[in-house]
Structure formats: structure tokens, C-alpha cells
Amino acid sequence: MVITLVEGKLGYMQEGLEKRVREIKDREFQYALIKRLIGYEDVLEVLKKELNLTIPS
């Protein structure tokens, strides 16, 4: 669901990000992440912070 949400907001999924998202096994964290992604315009900034990623903007 996270991947679908990101693709819906951005129109694409950056390389390597899909793999990292699929590695998340904690359901509570997934739901919290989804809520944050829905509530914020800057999807990449949320992902950077929550997943501790370096994503080129």
C-alpha cells in the first residue's frame, strides 16, 4: 500500500526505494507511514525522515 500511495502522489517510485519499502515488516510502522504520507505534500521528505534514507530530490 505504501508503494501504491507513493506512486499515486509522485507518479513514479525511485530506484531502490521500492525494495526498502518492501523490507518493512512492522505493520504498525507501515500504517503510521501511510498516515504521514497521506497528510504531507512532500512525500520524499517523509520517506527520507521515516526510513533514514538519502534520496536525491
Protein backbone atom coordinates (compact mmCIF):
# COMPACT_ATOMS: atom_id res chain seq x y z
CA MET A 1 0.00 0.00 0.00
CA VAL A 2 2.90 2.38 0.72
CA ILE A 3 4.26 1.82 -2.79
CA THR A 4 0.87 2.47 -4.38
CA LEU A 5 0.46 5.65 -2.33
CA VAL A 6 3.90 6.98 -3.30
CA GLU A 7 3.34 6.15 -6.97
CA GLY A 8 -0.06 7.84 -6.84
CA LYS A 9 1.37 11.03 -5.36
CA LEU A 10 4.60 11.19 -7.36
CA GLY A 11 3.71 9.25 -10.48
CA TYR A 12 6.80 7.05 -10.04
CA MET A 13 8.85 5.11 -7.48
CA GLN A 14 12.53 5.95 -7.24
CA GLU A 15 15.07 3.20 -7.80
CA GLY A 16 15.90 1.28 -4.63
CA LEU A 17 13.03 2.81 -2.70
CA GLU A 18 10.56 0.06 -3.57
CA LYS A 19 12.97 -2.57 -2.24
CA ARG A 20 13.42 -0.66 1.01
CA VAL A 21 9.66 -0.24 1.47
CA ARG A 22 9.06 -3.96 0.83
CA GLU A 23 11.55 -4.76 3.61
CA ILE A 24 9.28 -3.13 6.21
CA LYS A 25 7.61 -5.95 8.15
CA ASP A 26 6.22 -3.96 11.10
CA ARG A 27 2.53 -3.40 10.31
CA GLU A 28 2.11 -0.61 12.85
CA PHE A 29 5.03 1.26 11.28
CA GLN A 30 3.53 0.73 7.82
CA TYR A 31 0.18 2.18 8.91
CA ALA A 32 1.86 5.14 10.62
CA LEU A 33 3.92 5.77 7.48
CA ILE A 34 0.81 5.66 5.29
CA LYS A 35 -0.92 8.20 7.52
CA ARG A 36 2.10 10.52 7.31
CA LEU A 37 2.33 10.14 3.54
CA ILE A 38 -1.36 10.99 3.13
CA GLY A 39 -1.06 14.05 5.34
CA TYR A 40 2.03 15.61 3.76
CA GLU A 41 2.67 17.01 0.31
CA ASP A 42 6.41 16.30 0.33
CA VAL A 43 6.34 12.51 0.07
CA LEU A 44 10.09 12.19 -0.46
CA GLU A 45 10.84 14.23 2.65
CA VAL A 46 8.61 11.95 4.75
CA LEU A 47 10.34 8.86 3.34
CA LYS A 48 13.79 10.33 3.95
CA LYS A 49 12.96 11.01 7.57
CA GLU A 50 10.99 7.87 8.42
CA LEU A 51 13.22 5.38 6.58
CA ASN A 52 16.52 7.17 7.23
CA LEU A 53 17.22 7.39 3.51
CA THR A 54 19.25 9.58 1.28
CA ILE A 55 17.04 10.30 -1.71
CA PRO A 56 18.03 12.81 -4.37
CA SER A 57 15.22 15.33 -4.83
